[in-house]
Amino acid sequence: MESFANIGLWVSYVLIFLALLGMFVGIVVAVMQSWNDGGLYAVVGVVALIVFFGIGYALSSDEVSQRLVEKGFGDAAVYKRSSAGLITFYALAIVASVLLVFDVVKGFVDGN
């Protein structure tokens, strides 16, 4: 079971790296095409993601429960980053849901 978890962890690392690479390539393309049409929005989006992760990191805890320590997951720094990632995910999911509701309501009001 541990080898399956290690494989899953490395696959996650590769996917995260590919997502970050795609994001940075998209930003460079948007900036190169036109700063006013998409480049500024791309840079603002990246800054917003960094701010969300910073807030998640500030709110996360580095306390590792005894049960996790017994299983060999006692690294507090890794646990803090993992907790920050979860908090960031939840915050972004809530923001996306609220914006979706506002967009639907705006569509009904505008008649689109």
PDB file of N, CA and C in Angstrom:
ATOM      1  N   MET A   1       0.815  -1.194   0.000  1.00  0.00           N
ATOM      2  CA  MET A   1       0.000   0.000   0.000  1.00  0.00           C
ATOM      3  C   MET A   1       0.860   1.260   0.000  1.00  0.00           C
ATOM      4  N   GLU A   2       2.016   1.204   0.678  1.00  0.00           N
ATOM      5  CA  GLU A   2       2.883   2.373   0.715  1.00  0.00           C
ATOM      6  C   GLU A   2       3.431   2.716  -0.660  1.00  0.00           C
ATOM      7  N   SER A   3       3.749   1.700  -1.474  1.00  0.00           N
ATOM      8  CA  SER A   3       4.290   1.986  -2.806  1.00  0.00           C
ATOM      9  C   SER A   3       3.238   2.657  -3.680  1.00  0.00           C
ATOM     10  N   PHE A   4       1.968   2.267  -3.508  1.00  0.00           N
ATOM     11  CA  PHE A   4       0.891   2.910  -4.258  1.00  0.00           C
ATOM     12  C   PHE A   4       0.764   4.378  -3.860  1.00  0.00           C
ATOM     13  N   ALA A   5       0.915   4.667  -2.564  1.00  0.00           N
ATOM     14  CA  ALA A   5       0.846   6.047  -2.098  1.00  0.00           C
ATOM     15  C   ALA A   5       2.015   6.853  -2.647  1.00  0.00           C
ATOM     16  N   ASN A   6       3.182   6.246  -2.696  1.00  0.00           N
ATOM     17  CA  ASN A   6       4.348   6.960  -3.236  1.00  0.00           C
ATOM     18  C   ASN A   6       4.173   7.243  -4.720  1.00  0.00           C
ATOM     19  N   ILE A   7       3.629   6.308  -5.458  1.00  0.00           N
ATOM     20  CA  ILE A   7       3.381   6.522  -6.888  1.00  0.00           C
ATOM     21  C   ILE A   7       2.362   7.644  -7.073  1.00  0.00           C
ATOM     22  N   GLY A   8       1.306   7.614  -6.276  1.00  0.00           N
ATOM     23  CA  GLY A   8       0.293   8.664  -6.358  1.00  0.00           C
ATOM     24  C   GLY A   8       0.851  10.029  -6.024  1.00  0.00           C
ATOM     25  N   LEU A   9       1.764  10.073  -5.060  1.00  0.00           N
ATOM     26  CA  LEU A   9       2.385  11.339  -4.689  1.00  0.00           C
ATOM     27  C   LEU A   9       3.233  11.881  -5.829  1.00  0.00           C
ATOM     28  N   TRP A  10       4.010  11.019  -6.474  1.00  0.00           N
ATOM     29  CA  TRP A  10       4.851  11.473  -7.587  1.00  0.00           C
ATOM     30  C   TRP A  10       4.013  11.868  -8.794  1.00  0.00           C
ATOM     31  N   VAL A  11       2.923  11.163  -9.044  1.00  0.00           N
ATOM     32  CA  VAL A  11       2.019  11.548 -10.133  1.00  0.00           C
ATOM     33  C   VAL A  11       1.415  12.920  -9.835  1.00  0.00           C
ATOM     34  N   SER A  12       1.064  13.165  -8.577  1.00  0.00           N
ATOM     35  CA  SER A  12       0.530  14.476  -8.194  1.00  0.00           C
ATOM     36  C   SER A  12       1.564  15.570  -8.416  1.00  0.00           C
ATOM     37  N   TYR A  13       2.817  15.299  -8.059  1.00  0.00           N
ATOM     38  CA  TYR A  13       3.879  16.282  -8.284  1.00  0.00           C
ATOM     39  C   TYR A  13       4.017  16.604  -9.764  1.00  0.00           C
ATOM     40  N   VAL A  14       3.987  15.584 -10.609  1.00  0.00           N
ATOM     41  CA  VAL A  14       4.121  15.803 -12.052  1.00  0.00           C
ATOM     42  C   VAL A  14       2.950  16.623 -12.577  1.00  0.00           C
ATOM     43  N   LEU A  15       1.736  16.302 -12.143  1.00  0.00           N
ATOM     44  CA  LEU A  15       0.559  17.038 -12.599  1.00  0.00           C
ATOM     45  C   LEU A  15       0.572  18.492 -12.124  1.00  0.00           C
ATOM     46  N   ILE A  16       1.019  18.719 -10.890  1.00  0.00           N
ATOM     47  CA  ILE A  16       1.127  20.087 -10.390  1.00  0.00           C
ATOM     48  C   ILE A  16       2.158  20.859 -11.197  1.00  0.00           C
ATOM     49  N   PHE A  17       3.294  20.223 -11.499  1.00  0.00           N
ATOM     50  CA  PHE A  17       4.320  20.875 -12.301  1.00  0.00           C
ATOM     51  C   PHE A  17       3.791  21.225 -13.691  1.00  0.00           C
ATOM     52  N   LEU A  18       3.046  20.293 -14.320  1.00  0.00           N
ATOM     53  CA  LEU A  18       2.488  20.562 -15.644  1.00  0.00           C
ATOM     54  C   LEU A  18       1.460  21.693 -15.600  1.00  0.00           C
ATOM     55  N   ALA A  19       0.657  21.735 -14.541  1.00  0.00           N
ATOM     56  CA  ALA A  19      -0.320  22.815 -14.406  1.00  0.00           C
ATOM     57  C   ALA A  19       0.373  24.164 -14.235  1.00  0.00           C
ATOM     58  N   LEU A  20       1.420  24.205 -13.419  1.00  0.00           N
ATOM     59  CA  LEU A  20       2.161  25.455 -13.244  1.00  0.00           C
ATOM     60  C   LEU A  20       2.854  25.875 -14.533  1.00  0.00           C
ATOM     61  N   LEU A  21       3.417  24.921 -15.246  1.00  0.00           N
ATOM     62  CA  LEU A  21       4.065  25.218 -16.518  1.00  0.00           C
ATOM     63  C   LEU A  21       3.053  25.778 -17.518  1.00  0.00           C
ATOM     64  N   GLY A  22       1.881  25.156 -17.598  1.00  0.00           N
ATOM     65  CA  GLY A  22       0.828  25.651 -18.487  1.00  0.00           C
ATOM     66  C   GLY A  22       0.360  27.034 -18.103  1.00  0.00           C
ATOM     67  N   MET A  23       0.277  27.289 -16.794  1.00  0.00           N
ATOM     68  CA  MET A  23      -0.146  28.606 -16.341  1.00  0.00           C
ATOM     69  C   MET A  23       0.877  29.672 -16.749  1.00  0.00           C
ATOM     70  N   PHE A  24       2.142  29.387 -16.541  1.00  0.00           N
ATOM     71  CA  PHE A  24       3.164  30.375 -16.885  1.00  0.00           C
ATOM     72  C   PHE A  24       3.278  30.575 -18.393  1.00  0.00           C
ATOM     73  N   VAL A  25       3.118  29.516 -19.165  1.00  0.00           N
ATOM     74  CA  VAL A  25       3.130  29.656 -20.624  1.00  0.00           C
ATOM     75  C   VAL A  25       1.935  30.495 -21.068  1.00  0.00           C
ATOM     76  N   GLY A  26       0.781  30.263 -20.468  1.00  0.00           N
ATOM     77  CA  GLY A  26      -0.404  31.063 -20.801  1.00  0.00           C
ATOM     78  C   GLY A  26      -0.229  32.525 -20.463  1.00  0.00           C
ATOM     79  N   ILE A  27       0.430  32.800 -19.346  1.00  0.00           N
ATOM     80  CA  ILE A  27       0.683  34.194 -18.964  1.00  0.00           C
ATOM     81  C   ILE A  27       1.618  34.855 -19.967  1.00  0.00           C
ATOM     82  N   VAL A  28       2.674  34.155 -20.326  1.00  0.00           N
ATOM     83  CA  VAL A  28       3.633  34.721 -21.286  1.00  0.00           C
ATOM     84  C   VAL A  28       2.960  34.972 -22.632  1.00  0.00           C
ATOM     85  N   VAL A  29       2.130  34.042 -23.080  1.00  0.00           N
ATOM     86  CA  VAL A  29       1.429  34.219 -24.356  1.00  0.00           C
ATOM     87  C   VAL A  29       0.473  35.414 -24.273  1.00  0.00           C
ATOM     88  N   ALA A  30      -0.260  35.525 -23.159  1.00  0.00           N
ATOM     89  CA  ALA A  30      -1.207  36.638 -23.011  1.00  0.00           C
ATOM     90  C   ALA A  30      -0.482  37.978 -22.976  1.00  0.00           C
ATOM     91  N   VAL A  31       0.658  38.032 -22.301  1.00  0.00           N
ATOM     92  CA  VAL A  31       1.405  39.279 -22.225  1.00  0.00           C
ATOM     93  C   VAL A  31       1.998  39.622 -23.584  1.00  0.00           C
ATOM     94  N   MET A  32       2.484  38.605 -24.311  1.00  0.00           N
ATOM     95  CA  MET A  32       3.099  38.859 -25.612  1.00  0.00           C
ATOM     96  C   MET A  32       2.061  39.307 -26.650  1.00  0.00           C
ATOM     97  N   GLN A  33       0.840  38.779 -26.558  1.00  0.00           N
ATOM     98  CA  GLN A  33      -0.177  39.156 -27.537  1.00  0.00           C
ATOM     99  C   GLN A  33      -0.632  40.591 -27.326  1.00  0.00           C
ATOM    100  N   SER A  34      -1.035  40.907 -26.123  1.00  0.00           N
ATOM    101  CA  SER A  34      -1.472  42.266 -25.848  1.00  0.00           C
ATOM    102  C   SER A  34      -1.561  42.464 -24.344  1.00  0.00           C
ATOM    103  N   TRP A  35      -0.879  43.472 -23.866  1.00  0.00           N
ATOM    104  CA  TRP A  35      -0.886  43.742 -22.426  1.00  0.00           C
ATOM    105  C   TRP A  35      -2.278  44.192 -21.972  1.00  0.00           C
ATOM    106  N   ASN A  36      -2.937  45.038 -22.744  1.00  0.00           N
ATOM    107  CA  ASN A  36      -4.232  45.583 -22.331  1.00  0.00           C
ATOM    108  C   ASN A  36      -5.366  44.576 -22.458  1.00  0.00           C
ATOM    109  N   ASP A  37      -5.318  43.683 -23.439  1.00  0.00           N
ATOM    110  CA  ASP A  37      -6.431  42.761 -23.654  1.00  0.00           C
ATOM    111  C   ASP A  37      -6.406  41.558 -22.714  1.00  0.00           C
ATOM    112  N   GLY A  38      -5.242  41.046 -22.379  1.00  0.00           N
ATOM    113  CA  GLY A  38      -5.228  39.857 -21.540  1.00  0.00           C
ATOM    114  C   GLY A  38      -4.049  39.754 -20.614  1.00  0.00           C
ATOM    115  N   GLY A  39      -2.987  40.449 -20.930  1.00  0.00           N
ATOM    116  CA  GLY A  39      -1.771  40.337 -20.129  1.00  0.00           C
ATOM    117  C   GLY A  39      -1.945  40.838 -18.707  1.00  0.00           C
ATOM    118  N   LEU A  40      -2.596  41.970 -18.568  1.00  0.00           N
ATOM    119  CA  LEU A  40      -2.810  42.533 -17.241  1.00  0.00           C
ATOM    120  C   LEU A  40      -3.680  41.604 -16.397  1.00  0.00           C
ATOM    121  N   TYR A  41      -4.738  41.041 -16.995  1.00  0.00           N
ATOM    122  CA  TYR A  41      -5.617  40.130 -16.261  1.00  0.00           C
ATOM    123  C   TYR A  41      -4.886  38.858 -15.848  1.00  0.00           C
ATOM    124  N   ALA A  42      -4.003  38.372 -16.683  1.00  0.00           N
ATOM    125  CA  ALA A  42      -3.232  37.175 -16.354  1.00  0.00           C
ATOM    126  C   ALA A  42      -2.317  37.424 -15.165  1.00  0.00           C
ATOM    127  N   VAL A  43      -1.657  38.559 -15.157  1.00  0.00           N
ATOM    128  CA  VAL A  43      -0.753  38.883 -14.053  1.00  0.00           C
ATOM    129  C   VAL A  43      -1.543  39.101 -12.764  1.00  0.00           C
ATOM    130  N   VAL A  44      -2.669  39.774 -12.859  1.00  0.00           N
ATOM    131  CA  VAL A  44      -3.517  39.982 -11.680  1.00  0.00           C
ATOM    132  C   VAL A  44      -4.025  38.639 -11.152  1.00  0.00           C
ATOM    133  N   GLY A  45      -4.359  37.715 -12.033  1.00  0.00           N
ATOM    134  CA  GLY A  45      -4.808  36.394 -11.613  1.00  0.00           C
ATOM    135  C   GLY A  45      -3.735  35.620 -10.867  1.00  0.00           C
ATOM    136  N   VAL A  46      -2.511  35.687 -11.339  1.00  0.00           N
ATOM    137  CA  VAL A  46      -1.414  35.000 -10.655  1.00  0.00           C
ATOM    138  C   VAL A  46      -1.153  35.626  -9.289  1.00  0.00           C
ATOM    139  N   VAL A  47      -1.187  36.953  -9.232  1.00  0.00           N
ATOM    140  CA  VAL A  47      -0.996  37.629  -7.947  1.00  0.00           C
ATOM    141  C   VAL A  47      -2.117  37.241  -6.984  1.00  0.00           C
ATOM    142  N   ALA A  48      -3.343  37.138  -7.478  1.00  0.00           N
ATOM    143  CA  ALA A  48      -4.466  36.729  -6.625  1.00  0.00           C
ATOM    144  C   ALA A  48      -4.270  35.305  -6.109  1.00  0.00           C
ATOM    145  N   LEU A  49      -3.788  34.394  -6.947  1.00  0.00           N
ATOM    146  CA  LEU A  49      -3.515  33.026  -6.494  1.00  0.00           C
ATOM    147  C   LEU A  49      -2.442  33.007  -5.415  1.00  0.00           C
ATOM    148  N   ILE A  50      -1.400  33.817  -5.591  1.00  0.00           N
ATOM    149  CA  ILE A  50      -0.343  33.874  -4.588  1.00  0.00           C
ATOM    150  C   ILE A  50      -0.885  34.439  -3.269  1.00  0.00           C
ATOM    151  N   VAL A  51      -1.749  35.444  -3.360  1.00  0.00           N
ATOM    152  CA  VAL A  51      -2.349  36.016  -2.153  1.00  0.00           C
ATOM    153  C   VAL A  51      -3.231  34.985  -1.458  1.00  0.00           C
ATOM    154  N   PHE A  52      -4.036  34.247  -2.221  1.00  0.00           N
ATOM    155  CA  PHE A  52      -4.880  33.207  -1.627  1.00  0.00           C
ATOM    156  C   PHE A  52      -4.032  32.150  -0.942  1.00  0.00           C
ATOM    157  N   PHE A  53      -2.937  31.724  -1.582  1.00  0.00           N
ATOM    158  CA  PHE A  53      -2.097  30.726  -0.945  1.00  0.00           C
ATOM    159  C   PHE A  53      -1.413  31.295   0.291  1.00  0.00           C
ATOM    160  N   GLY A  54      -1.016  32.555   0.252  1.00  0.00           N
ATOM    161  CA  GLY A  54      -0.416  33.182   1.433  1.00  0.00           C
ATOM    162  C   GLY A  54      -1.386  33.229   2.605  1.00  0.00           C
ATOM    163  N   ILE A  55      -2.648  33.542   2.308  1.00  0.00           N
ATOM    164  CA  ILE A  55      -3.668  33.542   3.363  1.00  0.00           C
ATOM    165  C   ILE A  55      -3.874  32.130   3.890  1.00  0.00           C
ATOM    166  N   GLY A  56      -3.929  31.155   2.990  1.00  0.00           N
ATOM    167  CA  GLY A  56      -4.070  29.763   3.420  1.00  0.00           C
ATOM    168  C   GLY A  56      -2.904  29.299   4.265  1.00  0.00           C
ATOM    169  N   TYR A  57      -1.694  29.722   3.889  1.00  0.00           N
ATOM    170  CA  TYR A  57      -0.508  29.339   4.653  1.00  0.00           C
ATOM    171  C   TYR A  57      -0.528  29.989   6.033  1.00  0.00           C
ATOM    172  N   ALA A  58      -0.984  31.237   6.104  1.00  0.00           N
ATOM    173  CA  ALA A  58      -1.049  31.924   7.390  1.00  0.00           C
ATOM    174  C   ALA A  58      -2.094  31.291   8.308  1.00  0.00           C
ATOM    175  N   LEU A  59      -3.166  30.788   7.737  1.00  0.00           N
ATOM    176  CA  LEU A  59      -4.229  30.178   8.540  1.00  0.00           C
ATOM    177  C   LEU A  59      -3.976  28.724   8.884  1.00  0.00           C
ATOM    178  N   SER A  60      -3.031  28.085   8.203  1.00  0.00           N
ATOM    179  CA  SER A  60      -2.816  26.652   8.419  1.00  0.00           C
ATOM    180  C   SER A  60      -2.045  26.396   9.705  1.00  0.00           C
ATOM    181  N   SER A  61      -2.192  25.181  10.179  1.00  0.00           N
ATOM    182  CA  SER A  61      -1.551  24.773  11.417  1.00  0.00           C
ATOM    183  C   SER A  61      -0.454  23.761  11.118  1.00  0.00           C
ATOM    184  N   ASP A  62       0.589  23.761  11.949  1.00  0.00           N
ATOM    185  CA  ASP A  62       1.648  22.778  11.763  1.00  0.00           C
ATOM    186  C   ASP A  62       1.622  21.705  12.848  1.00  0.00           C
ATOM    187  N   GLU A  63       0.515  21.622  13.583  1.00  0.00           N
ATOM    188  CA  GLU A  63       0.381  20.571  14.588  1.00  0.00           C
ATOM    189  C   GLU A  63       0.010  19.265  13.918  1.00  0.00           C
ATOM    190  N   VAL A  64       0.831  18.255  14.156  1.00  0.00           N
ATOM    191  CA  VAL A  64       0.595  16.933  13.589  1.00  0.00           C
ATOM    192  C   VAL A  64      -0.004  16.067  14.681  1.00  0.00           C
ATOM    193  N   SER A  65      -1.126  15.411  14.367  1.00  0.00           N
ATOM    194  CA  SER A  65      -1.775  14.592  15.374  1.00  0.00           C
ATOM    195  C   SER A  65      -0.930  13.361  15.695  1.00  0.00           C
ATOM    196  N   GLN A  66      -1.162  12.814  16.860  1.00  0.00           N
ATOM    197  CA  GLN A  66      -0.397  11.637  17.309  1.00  0.00           C
ATOM    198  C   GLN A  66      -0.626  10.453  16.376  1.00  0.00           C
ATOM    199  N   ARG A  67      -1.816  10.330  15.853  1.00  0.00           N
ATOM    200  CA  ARG A  67      -2.126   9.220  14.941  1.00  0.00           C
ATOM    201  C   ARG A  67      -1.278   9.289  13.673  1.00  0.00           C
ATOM    202  N   LEU A  68      -1.078  10.498  13.148  1.00  0.00           N
ATOM    203  CA  LEU A  68      -0.237  10.645  11.957  1.00  0.00           C
ATOM    204  C   LEU A  68       1.231  10.412  12.277  1.00  0.00           C
ATOM    205  N   VAL A  69       1.671  10.815  13.463  1.00  0.00           N
ATOM    206  CA  VAL A  69       3.059  10.582  13.853  1.00  0.00           C
ATOM    207  C   VAL A  69       3.334   9.084  13.944  1.00  0.00           C
ATOM    208  N   GLU A  70       2.371   8.329  14.466  1.00  0.00           N
ATOM    209  CA  GLU A  70       2.533   6.880  14.571  1.00  0.00           C
ATOM    210  C   GLU A  70       2.626   6.215  13.207  1.00  0.00           C
ATOM    211  N   LYS A  71       2.007   6.809  12.191  1.00  0.00           N
ATOM    212  CA  LYS A  71       2.061   6.244  10.842  1.00  0.00           C
ATOM    213  C   LYS A  71       3.275   6.736  10.052  1.00  0.00           C
ATOM    214  N   GLY A  72       4.076   7.610  10.637  1.00  0.00           N
ATOM    215  CA  GLY A  72       5.285   8.061   9.984  1.00  0.00           C
ATOM    216  C   GLY A  72       5.165   9.384   9.258  1.00  0.00           C
ATOM    217  N   PHE A  73       4.087  10.104   9.494  1.00  0.00           N
ATOM    218  CA  PHE A  73       3.882  11.405   8.847  1.00  0.00           C
ATOM    219  C   PHE A  73       4.085  12.527   9.862  1.00  0.00           C
ATOM    220  N   GLY A  74       5.259  12.616  10.443  1.00  0.00           N
ATOM    221  CA  GLY A  74       5.489  13.550  11.531  1.00  0.00           C
ATOM    222  C   GLY A  74       6.150  14.846  11.136  1.00  0.00           C
ATOM    223  N   ASP A  75       6.340  15.116   9.856  1.00  0.00           N
ATOM    224  CA  ASP A  75       7.018  16.337   9.427  1.00  0.00           C
ATOM    225  C   ASP A  75       6.047  17.516   9.475  1.00  0.00           C
ATOM    226  N   ALA A  76       6.310  18.449  10.382  1.00  0.00           N
ATOM    227  CA  ALA A  76       5.384  19.569  10.589  1.00  0.00           C
ATOM    228  C   ALA A  76       5.356  20.518   9.399  1.00  0.00           C
ATOM    229  N   ALA A  77       6.491  20.719   8.730  1.00  0.00           N
ATOM    230  CA  ALA A  77       6.533  21.645   7.590  1.00  0.00           C
ATOM    231  C   ALA A  77       5.691  21.125   6.433  1.00  0.00           C
ATOM    232  N   VAL A  78       5.780  19.837   6.172  1.00  0.00           N
ATOM    233  CA  VAL A  78       4.977  19.239   5.095  1.00  0.00           C
ATOM    234  C   VAL A  78       3.501  19.309   5.443  1.00  0.00           C
ATOM    235  N   TYR A  79       3.182  19.054   6.698  1.00  0.00           N
ATOM    236  CA  TYR A  79       1.787  19.104   7.134  1.00  0.00           C
ATOM    237  C   TYR A  79       1.242  20.530   7.009  1.00  0.00           C
ATOM    238  N   LYS A  80       2.056  21.538   7.316  1.00  0.00           N
ATOM    239  CA  LYS A  80       1.609  22.935   7.197  1.00  0.00           C
ATOM    240  C   LYS A  80       1.341  23.290   5.742  1.00  0.00           C
ATOM    241  N   ARG A  81       2.229  22.876   4.826  1.00  0.00           N
ATOM    242  CA  ARG A  81       2.013  23.169   3.406  1.00  0.00           C
ATOM    243  C   ARG A  81       0.778  22.443   2.879  1.00  0.00           C
ATOM    244  N   SER A  82       0.593  21.211   3.320  1.00  0.00           N
ATOM    245  CA  SER A  82      -0.584  20.449   2.896  1.00  0.00           C
ATOM    246  C   SER A  82      -1.863  21.115   3.407  1.00  0.00           C
ATOM    247  N   SER A  83      -1.837  21.537   4.644  1.00  0.00           N
ATOM    248  CA  SER A  83      -2.988  22.223   5.221  1.00  0.00           C
ATOM    249  C   SER A  83      -3.251  23.539   4.502  1.00  0.00           C
ATOM    250  N   ALA A  84      -2.178  24.247   4.140  1.00  0.00           N
ATOM    251  CA  ALA A  84      -2.329  25.505   3.402  1.00  0.00           C
ATOM    252  C   ALA A  84      -2.949  25.248   2.034  1.00  0.00           C
ATOM    253  N   GLY A  85      -2.549  24.176   1.375  1.00  0.00           N
ATOM    254  CA  GLY A  85      -3.133  23.834   0.081  1.00  0.00           C
ATOM    255  C   GLY A  85      -4.612  23.525   0.186  1.00  0.00           C
ATOM    256  N   LEU A  86      -4.999  22.802   1.225  1.00  0.00           N
ATOM    257  CA  LEU A  86      -6.418  22.499   1.417  1.00  0.00           C
ATOM    258  C   LEU A  86      -7.227  23.762   1.706  1.00  0.00           C
ATOM    259  N   ILE A  87      -6.707  24.619   2.568  1.00  0.00           N
ATOM    260  CA  ILE A  87      -7.414  25.864   2.882  1.00  0.00           C
ATOM    261  C   ILE A  87      -7.541  26.727   1.636  1.00  0.00           C
ATOM    262  N   THR A  88      -6.475  26.797   0.834  1.00  0.00           N
ATOM    263  CA  THR A  88      -6.525  27.565  -0.404  1.00  0.00           C
ATOM    264  C   THR A  88      -7.552  26.986  -1.360  1.00  0.00           C
ATOM    265  N   PHE A  89      -7.577  25.658  -1.479  1.00  0.00           N
ATOM    266  CA  PHE A  89      -8.563  25.009  -2.350  1.00  0.00           C
ATOM    267  C   PHE A  89      -9.980  25.334  -1.906  1.00  0.00           C
ATOM    268  N   TYR A  90     -10.242  25.218  -0.608  1.00  0.00           N
ATOM    269  CA  TYR A  90     -11.584  25.500  -0.109  1.00  0.00           C
ATOM    270  C   TYR A  90     -11.959  26.960  -0.349  1.00  0.00           C
ATOM    271  N   ALA A  91     -11.034  27.875  -0.121  1.00  0.00           N
ATOM    272  CA  ALA A  91     -11.325  29.301  -0.322  1.00  0.00           C
ATOM    273  C   ALA A  91     -11.612  29.587  -1.794  1.00  0.00           C
ATOM    274  N   LEU A  92     -10.803  29.019  -2.692  1.00  0.00           N
ATOM    275  CA  LEU A  92     -11.031  29.240  -4.122  1.00  0.00           C
ATOM    276  C   LEU A  92     -12.335  28.594  -4.586  1.00  0.00           C
ATOM    277  N   ALA A  93     -12.685  27.441  -4.028  1.00  0.00           N
ATOM    278  CA  ALA A  93     -13.954  26.792  -4.382  1.00  0.00           C
ATOM    279  C   ALA A  93     -15.138  27.650  -3.928  1.00  0.00           C
ATOM    280  N   ILE A  94     -15.040  28.232  -2.744  1.00  0.00           N
ATOM    281  CA  ILE A  94     -16.120  29.088  -2.253  1.00  0.00           C
ATOM    282  C   ILE A  94     -16.237  30.346  -3.116  1.00  0.00           C
ATOM    283  N   VAL A  95     -15.103  30.962  -3.438  1.00  0.00           N
ATOM    284  CA  VAL A  95     -15.127  32.165  -4.279  1.00  0.00           C
ATOM    285  C   VAL A  95     -15.707  31.843  -5.654  1.00  0.00           C
ATOM    286  N   ALA A  96     -15.301  30.711  -6.244  1.00  0.00           N
ATOM    287  CA  ALA A  96     -15.828  30.326  -7.556  1.00  0.00           C
ATOM    288  C   ALA A  96     -17.335  30.073  -7.494  1.00  0.00           C
ATOM    289  N   SER A  97     -17.808  29.445  -6.419  1.00  0.00           N
ATOM    290  CA  SER A  97     -19.243  29.174  -6.279  1.00  0.00           C
ATOM    291  C   SER A  97     -20.035  30.471  -6.141  1.00  0.00           C
ATOM    292  N   VAL A  98     -19.534  31.399  -5.348  1.00  0.00           N
ATOM    293  CA  VAL A  98     -20.226  32.678  -5.166  1.00  0.00           C
ATOM    294  C   VAL A  98     -20.259  33.451  -6.481  1.00  0.00           C
ATOM    295  N   LEU A  99     -19.136  33.472  -7.196  1.00  0.00           N
ATOM    296  CA  LEU A  99     -19.113  34.170  -8.479  1.00  0.00           C
ATOM    297  C   LEU A  99     -20.034  33.512  -9.502  1.00  0.00           C
ATOM    298  N   LEU A 100     -20.152  32.198  -9.457  1.00  0.00           N
ATOM    299  CA  LEU A 100     -21.073  31.494 -10.353  1.00  0.00           C
ATOM    300  C   LEU A 100     -22.516  31.895 -10.068  1.00  0.00           C
ATOM    301  N   VAL A 101     -22.879  31.959  -8.798  1.00  0.00           N
ATOM    302  CA  VAL A 101     -24.239  32.368  -8.433  1.00  0.00           C
ATOM    303  C   VAL A 101     -24.500  33.800  -8.886  1.00  0.00           C
ATOM    304  N   PHE A 102     -23.535  34.700  -8.661  1.00  0.00           N
ATOM    305  CA  PHE A 102     -23.700  36.082  -9.113  1.00  0.00           C
ATOM    306  C   PHE A 102     -23.849  36.160 -10.625  1.00  0.00           C
ATOM    307  N   ASP A 103     -23.093  35.354 -11.353  1.00  0.00           N
ATOM    308  CA  ASP A 103     -23.182  35.364 -12.818  1.00  0.00           C
ATOM    309  C   ASP A 103     -24.549  34.864 -13.288  1.00  0.00           C
ATOM    310  N   VAL A 104     -25.072  33.830 -12.636  1.00  0.00           N
ATOM    311  CA  VAL A 104     -26.390  33.318 -13.008  1.00  0.00           C
ATOM    312  C   VAL A 104     -27.465  34.356 -12.720  1.00  0.00           C
ATOM    313  N   VAL A 105     -27.382  34.991 -11.550  1.00  0.00           N
ATOM    314  CA  VAL A 105     -28.375  36.019 -11.195  1.00  0.00           C
ATOM    315  C   VAL A 105     -28.274  37.193 -12.157  1.00  0.00           C
ATOM    316  N   LYS A 106     -27.051  37.605 -12.493  1.00  0.00           N
ATOM    317  CA  LYS A 106     -26.861  38.699 -13.445  1.00  0.00           C
ATOM    318  C   LYS A 106     -27.437  38.333 -14.810  1.00  0.00           C
ATOM    319  N   GLY A 107     -27.274  37.076 -15.214  1.00  0.00           N
ATOM    320  CA  GLY A 107     -27.854  36.631 -16.474  1.00  0.00           C
ATOM    321  C   GLY A 107     -29.367  36.698 -16.484  1.00  0.00           C
ATOM    322  N   PHE A 108     -29.989  36.339 -15.358  1.00  0.00           N
ATOM    323  CA  PHE A 108     -31.451  36.432 -15.260  1.00  0.00           C
ATOM    324  C   PHE A 108     -31.905  37.890 -15.304  1.00  0.00           C
ATOM    325  N   VAL A 109     -31.195  38.763 -14.628  1.00  0.00           N
ATOM    326  CA  VAL A 109     -31.575  40.176 -14.581  1.00  0.00           C
ATOM    327  C   VAL A 109     -31.402  40.818 -15.952  1.00  0.00           C
ATOM    328  N   ASP A 110     -30.300  40.510 -16.624  1.00  0.00           N
ATOM    329  CA  ASP A 110     -30.036  41.082 -17.940  1.00  0.00           C
ATOM    330  C   ASP A 110     -30.895  40.443 -19.033  1.00  0.00           C
ATOM    331  N   GLY A 111     -31.434  39.285 -18.789  1.00  0.00           N
ATOM    332  CA  GLY A 111     -32.244  38.608 -19.789  1.00  0.00           C
ATOM    333  C   GLY A 111     -31.443  37.743 -20.742  1.00  0.00           C
ATOM    334  N   ASN A 112     -30.228  37.399 -20.371  1.00  0.00           N
ATOM    335  CA  ASN A 112     -29.385  36.555 -21.240  1.00  0.00           C
ATOM    336  C   ASN A 112     -29.509  35.119 -20.834  1.00  0.00           C
TER     337      ASN A 112
END
